[in-house]
């Protein structure tokens, strides 16, 4: 029986199941009438089809805002020091390290992200038809929007602190986002079955960091990608206008905070 079942799974793939969710329980939890519910979804399979599409729409909300908040906490009070390129590089490296840890920990703890990964991995095992086509389209759109947020985050960080993509690398911030996301997604998947991936935080000073700190695997991986493609912008000048621009971004990230 195990051999037969393995052959079936290897042919059709695993599927995502929502059998643990009762349509009647959802009606009660939502506090709507059964008449209205069955008028909208005459068959519960129609409801679960719509639910699958909703689950795929926004796998990781709120990360971009959390990243801006983190940048504000690290940079506030240090702007006057950043005219020194060495200090600026050290700060950007620290931002890379903490961004990697923040994003990894957010996704690792997110049931929504795990559901998104499961849907992305198993949608091809669904029966061919309208639902699979619609789910593929929703997953693709969610993936593009997620990558756009990552690209925007890295481009903003580079622009604020005087870095650019190396012209010789031939990549865009969208390419960088794709590589970062692939590395991060793979590490999250690994950590779900091997918790030591998330728990191991050895002290280190990689990439010329001036001070030691905790460098878990996600921070090492994402920083290696970033350092491989980013370089100081030779046309960048740290002046009063740049300080004002950084303060404006930090104020937008944390409007309730006093200006540094």
C-alpha atoms as a PDB file:
ATOM      1  CA  UNK A   1       0.000   0.000   0.000  1.00  0.00           C
ATOM      2  CA  UNK A   2       2.846   2.403   0.798  1.00  0.00           C
ATOM      3  CA  UNK A   3       4.473   1.657  -2.567  1.00  0.00           C
ATOM      4  CA  UNK A   4       1.141   2.177  -4.351  1.00  0.00           C
ATOM      5  CA  UNK A   5       0.507   5.456  -2.507  1.00  0.00           C
ATOM      6  CA  UNK A   6       4.032   6.680  -3.247  1.00  0.00           C
ATOM      7  CA  UNK A   7       3.499   5.963  -6.935  1.00  0.00           C
ATOM      8  CA  UNK A   8       0.224   7.932  -6.862  1.00  0.00           C
ATOM      9  CA  UNK A   9       1.838  10.921  -5.135  1.00  0.00           C
ATOM     10  CA  UNK A  10       4.802  10.869  -7.499  1.00  0.00           C
ATOM     11  CA  UNK A  11       2.390  10.937 -10.414  1.00  0.00           C
ATOM     12  CA  UNK A  12      -0.086  13.541  -9.167  1.00  0.00           C
ATOM     13  CA  UNK A  13       1.892  15.372  -6.448  1.00  0.00           C
ATOM     14  CA  UNK A  14       0.705  16.356  -2.996  1.00  0.00           C
ATOM     15  CA  UNK A  15      -2.330  18.581  -2.644  1.00  0.00           C
ATOM     16  CA  UNK A  16      -3.331  21.322  -0.218  1.00  0.00           C
ATOM     17  CA  UNK A  17      -6.384  20.340   1.816  1.00  0.00           C
ATOM     18  CA  UNK A  18      -8.893  22.541   3.625  1.00  0.00           C
ATOM     19  CA  UNK A  19     -10.866  19.596   4.992  1.00  0.00           C
ATOM     20  CA  UNK A  20     -10.140  20.698   8.585  1.00  0.00           C
ATOM     21  CA  UNK A  21     -12.234  23.853   8.003  1.00  0.00           C
ATOM     22  CA  UNK A  22     -15.994  23.380   8.252  1.00  0.00           C
ATOM     23  CA  UNK A  23     -18.232  25.564   6.083  1.00  0.00           C
ATOM     24  CA  UNK A  24     -20.845  25.568   8.854  1.00  0.00           C
ATOM     25  CA  UNK A  25     -18.224  26.657  11.420  1.00  0.00           C
ATOM     26  CA  UNK A  26     -17.189  29.518   9.141  1.00  0.00           C
ATOM     27  CA  UNK A  27     -20.816  30.651   8.859  1.00  0.00           C
ATOM     28  CA  UNK A  28     -21.130  30.728  12.657  1.00  0.00           C
ATOM     29  CA  UNK A  29     -17.772  32.470  13.136  1.00  0.00           C
ATOM     30  CA  UNK A  30     -18.661  35.116  10.536  1.00  0.00           C
ATOM     31  CA  UNK A  31     -22.080  35.611  12.182  1.00  0.00           C
ATOM     32  CA  UNK A  32     -23.988  35.585   8.896  1.00  0.00           C
ATOM     33  CA  UNK A  33     -27.195  33.791   8.046  1.00  0.00           C
ATOM     34  CA  UNK A  34     -27.009  30.350   6.486  1.00  0.00           C
ATOM     35  CA  UNK A  35     -29.456  31.532   3.826  1.00  0.00           C
ATOM     36  CA  UNK A  36     -27.121  34.337   2.767  1.00  0.00           C
ATOM     37  CA  UNK A  37     -24.092  32.050   2.821  1.00  0.00           C
ATOM     38  CA  UNK A  38     -25.709  29.396   0.640  1.00  0.00           C
ATOM     39  CA  UNK A  39     -27.127  32.029  -1.684  1.00  0.00           C
ATOM     40  CA  UNK A  40     -23.581  33.322  -2.269  1.00  0.00           C
ATOM     41  CA  UNK A  41     -22.006  29.834  -2.397  1.00  0.00           C
ATOM     42  CA  UNK A  42     -24.651  27.202  -3.278  1.00  0.00           C
ATOM     43  CA  UNK A  43     -21.989  24.502  -2.852  1.00  0.00           C
ATOM     44  CA  UNK A  44     -19.271  24.640  -0.206  1.00  0.00           C
ATOM     45  CA  UNK A  45     -16.647  23.715  -2.817  1.00  0.00           C
ATOM     46  CA  UNK A  46     -17.290  27.115  -4.422  1.00  0.00           C
ATOM     47  CA  UNK A  47     -16.531  28.811  -1.098  1.00  0.00           C
ATOM     48  CA  UNK A  48     -13.306  26.860  -0.642  1.00  0.00           C
ATOM     49  CA  UNK A  49     -12.230  27.741  -4.182  1.00  0.00           C
ATOM     50  CA  UNK A  50     -12.618  31.430  -3.342  1.00  0.00           C
ATOM     51  CA  UNK A  51     -10.837  30.877  -0.024  1.00  0.00           C
ATOM     52  CA  UNK A  52      -7.816  29.327  -1.771  1.00  0.00           C
ATOM     53  CA  UNK A  53      -7.588  32.376  -4.039  1.00  0.00           C
ATOM     54  CA  UNK A  54      -7.758  34.751  -1.046  1.00  0.00           C
ATOM     55  CA  UNK A  55      -5.026  32.817   0.768  1.00  0.00           C
ATOM     56  CA  UNK A  56      -2.728  33.289  -2.228  1.00  0.00           C
ATOM     57  CA  UNK A  57      -3.191  37.058  -2.599  1.00  0.00           C
ATOM     58  CA  UNK A  58      -0.844  38.670  -0.030  1.00  0.00           C
ATOM     59  CA  UNK A  59       1.564  36.225   1.580  1.00  0.00           C
ATOM     60  CA  UNK A  60       3.696  38.689   3.561  1.00  0.00           C
ATOM     61  CA  UNK A  61       1.902  41.934   4.420  1.00  0.00           C
ATOM     62  CA  UNK A  62       3.606  44.620   6.461  1.00  0.00           C
ATOM     63  CA  UNK A  63       7.260  43.698   5.902  1.00  0.00           C
ATOM     64  CA  UNK A  64       8.156  46.895   4.018  1.00  0.00           C
ATOM     65  CA  UNK A  65       6.781  49.118   6.805  1.00  0.00           C
ATOM     66  CA  UNK A  66       8.628  47.072   9.437  1.00  0.00           C
ATOM     67  CA  UNK A  67      11.862  47.498   7.460  1.00  0.00           C
ATOM     68  CA  UNK A  68      11.469  51.282   7.388  1.00  0.00           C
ATOM     69  CA  UNK A  69      10.831  51.277  11.136  1.00  0.00           C
ATOM     70  CA  UNK A  70      14.009  49.257  11.645  1.00  0.00           C
ATOM     71  CA  UNK A  71      16.074  51.641   9.506  1.00  0.00           C
ATOM     72  CA  UNK A  72      14.723  54.556  11.540  1.00  0.00           C
ATOM     73  CA  UNK A  73      15.755  52.930  14.817  1.00  0.00           C
ATOM     74  CA  UNK A  74      19.299  52.165  13.631  1.00  0.00           C
ATOM     75  CA  UNK A  75      20.056  55.391  11.763  1.00  0.00           C
ATOM     76  CA  UNK A  76      18.374  58.003  14.001  1.00  0.00           C
ATOM     77  CA  UNK A  77      20.990  60.041  15.837  1.00  0.00           C
ATOM     78  CA  UNK A  78      23.875  58.942  13.599  1.00  0.00           C
ATOM     79  CA  UNK A  79      23.261  61.045  10.511  1.00  0.00           C
ATOM     80  CA  UNK A  80      26.072  63.497  11.235  1.00  0.00           C
ATOM     81  CA  UNK A  81      28.598  60.631  11.257  1.00  0.00           C
ATOM     82  CA  UNK A  82      27.699  59.398   7.795  1.00  0.00           C
ATOM     83  CA  UNK A  83      29.797  61.861   5.826  1.00  0.00           C
ATOM     84  CA  UNK A  84      32.622  59.361   6.408  1.00  0.00           C
ATOM     85  CA  UNK A  85      32.347  56.646   3.671  1.00  0.00           C
ATOM     86  CA  UNK A  86      33.778  54.011   6.016  1.00  0.00           C
ATOM     87  CA  UNK A  87      31.181  54.743   8.686  1.00  0.00           C
ATOM     88  CA  UNK A  88      28.472  54.725   6.027  1.00  0.00           C
ATOM     89  CA  UNK A  89      29.553  51.335   4.685  1.00  0.00           C
ATOM     90  CA  UNK A  90      29.642  49.866   8.200  1.00  0.00           C
ATOM     91  CA  UNK A  91      26.154  51.192   8.874  1.00  0.00           C
ATOM     92  CA  UNK A  92      24.779  49.823   5.601  1.00  0.00           C
ATOM     93  CA  UNK A  93      26.291  46.418   6.340  1.00  0.00           C
ATOM     94  CA  UNK A  94      24.606  46.462   9.749  1.00  0.00           C
ATOM     95  CA  UNK A  95      21.323  47.391   8.056  1.00  0.00           C
ATOM     96  CA  UNK A  96      21.736  44.477   5.643  1.00  0.00           C
ATOM     97  CA  UNK A  97      22.367  42.122   8.580  1.00  0.00           C
ATOM     98  CA  UNK A  98      19.338  43.257  10.533  1.00  0.00           C
ATOM     99  CA  UNK A  99      17.070  43.428   7.469  1.00  0.00           C
ATOM    100  CA  UNK A 100      17.937  39.811   6.709  1.00  0.00           C
ATOM    101  CA  UNK A 101      17.160  38.753  10.271  1.00  0.00           C
ATOM    102  CA  UNK A 102      13.907  40.738  10.347  1.00  0.00           C
ATOM    103  CA  UNK A 103      12.617  39.363   7.047  1.00  0.00           C
ATOM    104  CA  UNK A 104      13.621  35.793   7.872  1.00  0.00           C
ATOM    105  CA  UNK A 105      12.032  35.847  11.334  1.00  0.00           C
ATOM    106  CA  UNK A 106       8.846  37.478   9.982  1.00  0.00           C
ATOM    107  CA  UNK A 107       8.387  34.869   7.252  1.00  0.00           C
ATOM    108  CA  UNK A 108       9.491  31.964   9.447  1.00  0.00           C
ATOM    109  CA  UNK A 109       6.777  32.824  11.983  1.00  0.00           C
ATOM    110  CA  UNK A 110       4.091  33.581   9.404  1.00  0.00           C
ATOM    111  CA  UNK A 111       1.363  30.947   8.816  1.00  0.00           C
ATOM    112  CA  UNK A 112       0.302  33.005   5.804  1.00  0.00           C
ATOM    113  CA  UNK A 113       3.734  32.652   4.211  1.00  0.00           C
ATOM    114  CA  UNK A 114       3.789  28.893   4.837  1.00  0.00           C
ATOM    115  CA  UNK A 115       0.370  28.618   3.215  1.00  0.00           C
ATOM    116  CA  UNK A 116       1.589  30.642   0.239  1.00  0.00           C
ATOM    117  CA  UNK A 117       4.603  28.338  -0.161  1.00  0.00           C
ATOM    118  CA  UNK A 118       2.363  25.277   0.054  1.00  0.00           C
ATOM    119  CA  UNK A 119      -0.013  26.652  -2.563  1.00  0.00           C
ATOM    120  CA  UNK A 120       2.840  27.594  -4.866  1.00  0.00           C
ATOM    121  CA  UNK A 121       4.409  24.145  -4.520  1.00  0.00           C
ATOM    122  CA  UNK A 122       1.243  22.116  -5.006  1.00  0.00           C
ATOM    123  CA  UNK A 123      -1.090  24.033  -7.327  1.00  0.00           C
ATOM    124  CA  UNK A 124       0.079  22.025 -10.338  1.00  0.00           C
ATOM    125  CA  UNK A 125      -1.285  18.873  -8.698  1.00  0.00           C
ATOM    126  CA  UNK A 126      -4.792  20.352  -8.838  1.00  0.00           C
ATOM    127  CA  UNK A 127      -7.067  19.118 -11.590  1.00  0.00           C
ATOM    128  CA  UNK A 128      -6.701  21.146 -14.761  1.00  0.00           C
ATOM    129  CA  UNK A 129      -9.411  23.730 -15.070  1.00  0.00           C
ATOM    130  CA  UNK A 130     -10.528  27.244 -14.262  1.00  0.00           C
ATOM    131  CA  UNK A 131      -9.596  27.161 -10.562  1.00  0.00           C
ATOM    132  CA  UNK A 132      -6.019  26.056 -11.224  1.00  0.00           C
ATOM    133  CA  UNK A 133      -5.622  28.712 -13.926  1.00  0.00           C
ATOM    134  CA  UNK A 134      -7.020  31.397 -11.619  1.00  0.00           C
ATOM    135  CA  UNK A 135      -4.831  30.258  -8.726  1.00  0.00           C
ATOM    136  CA  UNK A 136      -1.738  30.352 -10.939  1.00  0.00           C
ATOM    137  CA  UNK A 137      -2.597  33.913 -11.986  1.00  0.00           C
ATOM    138  CA  UNK A 138      -3.152  35.017  -8.371  1.00  0.00           C
ATOM    139  CA  UNK A 139       0.077  33.369  -7.168  1.00  0.00           C
ATOM    140  CA  UNK A 140       2.006  35.001 -10.006  1.00  0.00           C
ATOM    141  CA  UNK A 141       0.574  38.441  -9.207  1.00  0.00           C
ATOM    142  CA  UNK A 142       1.249  38.031  -5.483  1.00  0.00           C
ATOM    143  CA  UNK A 143       4.803  36.942  -6.274  1.00  0.00           C
ATOM    144  CA  UNK A 144       5.399  39.939  -8.527  1.00  0.00           C
ATOM    145  CA  UNK A 145       4.058  42.350  -5.906  1.00  0.00           C
ATOM    146  CA  UNK A 146       6.176  40.714  -3.205  1.00  0.00           C
ATOM    147  CA  UNK A 147       9.316  40.995  -5.360  1.00  0.00           C
ATOM    148  CA  UNK A 148       8.477  44.620  -6.176  1.00  0.00           C
ATOM    149  CA  UNK A 149       8.344  45.435  -2.457  1.00  0.00           C
ATOM    150  CA  UNK A 150      11.725  43.776  -1.901  1.00  0.00           C
ATOM    151  CA  UNK A 151      13.250  45.627  -4.871  1.00  0.00           C
ATOM    152  CA  UNK A 152      11.838  48.932  -3.609  1.00  0.00           C
ATOM    153  CA  UNK A 153      13.282  48.318  -0.159  1.00  0.00           C
ATOM    154  CA  UNK A 154      16.795  47.569  -1.444  1.00  0.00           C
ATOM    155  CA  UNK A 155      16.740  50.419  -3.966  1.00  0.00           C
ATOM    156  CA  UNK A 156      15.653  52.870  -1.274  1.00  0.00           C
ATOM    157  CA  UNK A 157      18.405  51.694   1.063  1.00  0.00           C
ATOM    158  CA  UNK A 158      21.060  51.944  -1.642  1.00  0.00           C
ATOM    159  CA  UNK A 159      19.924  55.387  -2.755  1.00  0.00           C
ATOM    160  CA  UNK A 160      19.786  56.798   0.775  1.00  0.00           C
ATOM    161  CA  UNK A 161      23.314  55.777   1.707  1.00  0.00           C
ATOM    162  CA  UNK A 162      25.245  56.131  -1.531  1.00  0.00           C
ATOM    163  CA  UNK A 163      25.338  52.692  -3.113  1.00  0.00           C
ATOM    164  CA  UNK A 164      24.467  51.493  -6.595  1.00  0.00           C
ATOM    165  CA  UNK A 165      24.259  48.237  -8.498  1.00  0.00           C
ATOM    166  CA  UNK A 166      27.606  47.415 -10.050  1.00  0.00           C
ATOM    167  CA  UNK A 167      27.341  48.255 -13.794  1.00  0.00           C
ATOM    168  CA  UNK A 168      29.453  45.188 -14.605  1.00  0.00           C
ATOM    169  CA  UNK A 169      26.974  42.883 -12.853  1.00  0.00           C
ATOM    170  CA  UNK A 170      24.276  43.538 -15.443  1.00  0.00           C
ATOM    171  CA  UNK A 171      21.417  43.192 -12.942  1.00  0.00           C
ATOM    172  CA  UNK A 172      18.495  45.320 -11.796  1.00  0.00           C
ATOM    173  CA  UNK A 173      17.052  45.706  -8.322  1.00  0.00           C
ATOM    174  CA  UNK A 174      14.309  43.346  -9.468  1.00  0.00           C
ATOM    175  CA  UNK A 175      16.986  40.712 -10.176  1.00  0.00           C
ATOM    176  CA  UNK A 176      18.534  41.353  -6.765  1.00  0.00           C
ATOM    177  CA  UNK A 177      15.094  41.004  -5.183  1.00  0.00           C
ATOM    178  CA  UNK A 178      14.535  37.684  -6.949  1.00  0.00           C
ATOM    179  CA  UNK A 179      17.855  36.289  -5.714  1.00  0.00           C
ATOM    180  CA  UNK A 180      17.294  37.538  -2.153  1.00  0.00           C
ATOM    181  CA  UNK A 181      13.753  36.148  -2.099  1.00  0.00           C
ATOM    182  CA  UNK A 182      14.852  32.760  -3.450  1.00  0.00           C
ATOM    183  CA  UNK A 183      17.583  32.492  -0.813  1.00  0.00           C
ATOM    184  CA  UNK A 184      15.269  33.606   1.964  1.00  0.00           C
ATOM    185  CA  UNK A 185      12.440  31.296   0.887  1.00  0.00           C
ATOM    186  CA  UNK A 186      14.809  28.336   0.722  1.00  0.00           C
ATOM    187  CA  UNK A 187      16.180  29.083   4.192  1.00  0.00           C
ATOM    188  CA  UNK A 188      12.660  29.419   5.642  1.00  0.00           C
ATOM    189  CA  UNK A 189      11.734  26.033   4.156  1.00  0.00           C
ATOM    190  CA  UNK A 190      14.925  24.504   5.549  1.00  0.00           C
ATOM    191  CA  UNK A 191      14.323  25.992   9.002  1.00  0.00           C
ATOM    192  CA  UNK A 192      10.777  24.598   9.192  1.00  0.00           C
ATOM    193  CA  UNK A 193      12.221  21.088   9.322  1.00  0.00           C
ATOM    194  CA  UNK A 194      15.696  21.941  10.693  1.00  0.00           C
ATOM    195  CA  UNK A 195      15.169  24.536  13.462  1.00  0.00           C
ATOM    196  CA  UNK A 196      18.923  24.903  13.916  1.00  0.00           C
ATOM    197  CA  UNK A 197      18.948  26.981  10.704  1.00  0.00           C
ATOM    198  CA  UNK A 198      16.984  29.638  12.594  1.00  0.00           C
ATOM    199  CA  UNK A 199      18.569  29.107  16.013  1.00  0.00           C
ATOM    200  CA  UNK A 200      22.282  29.173  15.143  1.00  0.00           C
ATOM    201  CA  UNK A 201      23.658  32.703  15.618  1.00  0.00           C
ATOM    202  CA  UNK A 202      27.470  32.558  15.822  1.00  0.00           C
ATOM    203  CA  UNK A 203      29.420  35.763  16.526  1.00  0.00           C
ATOM    204  CA  UNK A 204      31.428  36.858  13.478  1.00  0.00           C
ATOM    205  CA  UNK A 205      32.827  39.817  11.521  1.00  0.00           C
ATOM    206  CA  UNK A 206      32.281  38.918   7.844  1.00  0.00           C
ATOM    207  CA  UNK A 207      32.471  41.255   4.844  1.00  0.00           C
ATOM    208  CA  UNK A 208      34.859  43.634   6.615  1.00  0.00           C
ATOM    209  CA  UNK A 209      32.389  44.498   9.388  1.00  0.00           C
ATOM    210  CA  UNK A 210      34.191  46.761  11.902  1.00  0.00           C
ATOM    211  CA  UNK A 211      32.475  45.159  14.886  1.00  0.00           C
ATOM    212  CA  UNK A 212      31.419  41.639  15.752  1.00  0.00           C
ATOM    213  CA  UNK A 213      27.808  40.597  16.019  1.00  0.00           C
ATOM    214  CA  UNK A 214      25.438  37.689  15.597  1.00  0.00           C
ATOM    215  CA  UNK A 215      25.473  36.401  12.022  1.00  0.00           C
ATOM    216  CA  UNK A 216      22.834  33.707  11.483  1.00  0.00           C
ATOM    217  CA  UNK A 217      22.766  31.879   8.165  1.00  0.00           C
ATOM    218  CA  UNK A 218      20.045  34.134   6.619  1.00  0.00           C
ATOM    219  CA  UNK A 219      22.127  37.253   7.374  1.00  0.00           C
ATOM    220  CA  UNK A 220      25.248  35.680   5.862  1.00  0.00           C
ATOM    221  CA  UNK A 221      23.373  34.578   2.744  1.00  0.00           C
ATOM    222  CA  UNK A 222      21.514  37.808   2.052  1.00  0.00           C
ATOM    223  CA  UNK A 223      24.517  40.026   2.814  1.00  0.00           C
ATOM    224  CA  UNK A 224      26.691  37.940   0.500  1.00  0.00           C
ATOM    225  CA  UNK A 225      24.195  38.529  -2.317  1.00  0.00           C
ATOM    226  CA  UNK A 226      23.949  42.256  -1.591  1.00  0.00           C
ATOM    227  CA  UNK A 227      27.718  42.798  -1.259  1.00  0.00           C
ATOM    228  CA  UNK A 228      28.235  40.870  -4.483  1.00  0.00           C
ATOM    229  CA  UNK A 229      26.097  43.279  -6.517  1.00  0.00           C
ATOM    230  CA  UNK A 230      26.255  46.650  -4.712  1.00  0.00           C
ATOM    231  CA  UNK A 231      29.131  49.102  -4.663  1.00  0.00           C
ATOM    232  CA  UNK A 232      29.693  52.703  -3.483  1.00  0.00           C
ATOM    233  CA  UNK A 233      28.292  55.233  -5.946  1.00  0.00           C
ATOM    234  CA  UNK A 234      31.215  57.459  -7.078  1.00  0.00           C
ATOM    235  CA  UNK A 235      28.816  60.335  -7.795  1.00  0.00           C
ATOM    236  CA  UNK A 236      27.248  60.277  -4.331  1.00  0.00           C
ATOM    237  CA  UNK A 237      27.748  63.251  -2.014  1.00  0.00           C
ATOM    238  CA  UNK A 238      26.768  63.311   1.646  1.00  0.00           C
ATOM    239  CA  UNK A 239      25.627  66.882   2.222  1.00  0.00           C
ATOM    240  CA  UNK A 240      22.838  68.815   3.923  1.00  0.00           C
ATOM    241  CA  UNK A 241      20.411  67.914   1.151  1.00  0.00           C
ATOM    242  CA  UNK A 242      21.136  64.217   1.588  1.00  0.00           C
ATOM    243  CA  UNK A 243      20.711  64.470   5.351  1.00  0.00           C
ATOM    244  CA  UNK A 244      17.357  66.184   4.813  1.00  0.00           C
ATOM    245  CA  UNK A 245      16.260  63.449   2.380  1.00  0.00           C
ATOM    246  CA  UNK A 246      17.163  60.697   4.849  1.00  0.00           C
ATOM    247  CA  UNK A 247      15.337  62.505   7.659  1.00  0.00           C
ATOM    248  CA  UNK A 248      12.256  62.811   5.454  1.00  0.00           C
ATOM    249  CA  UNK A 249      12.228  59.074   4.784  1.00  0.00           C
ATOM    250  CA  UNK A 250      12.750  58.293   8.472  1.00  0.00           C
ATOM    251  CA  UNK A 251       9.939  60.669   9.441  1.00  0.00           C
ATOM    252  CA  UNK A 252       7.627  58.905   6.987  1.00  0.00           C
ATOM    253  CA  UNK A 253       8.582  55.560   8.523  1.00  0.00           C
ATOM    254  CA  UNK A 254       7.792  56.747  12.036  1.00  0.00           C
ATOM    255  CA  UNK A 255       5.608  59.857  11.885  1.00  0.00           C
ATOM    256  CA  UNK A 256       5.133  59.973  15.661  1.00  0.00           C
ATOM    257  CA  UNK A 257       8.836  60.194  16.447  1.00  0.00           C
ATOM    258  CA  UNK A 258      10.657  63.452  17.027  1.00  0.00           C
ATOM    259  CA  UNK A 259      13.083  64.483  14.286  1.00  0.00           C
ATOM    260  CA  UNK A 260      16.667  63.429  15.108  1.00  0.00           C
END
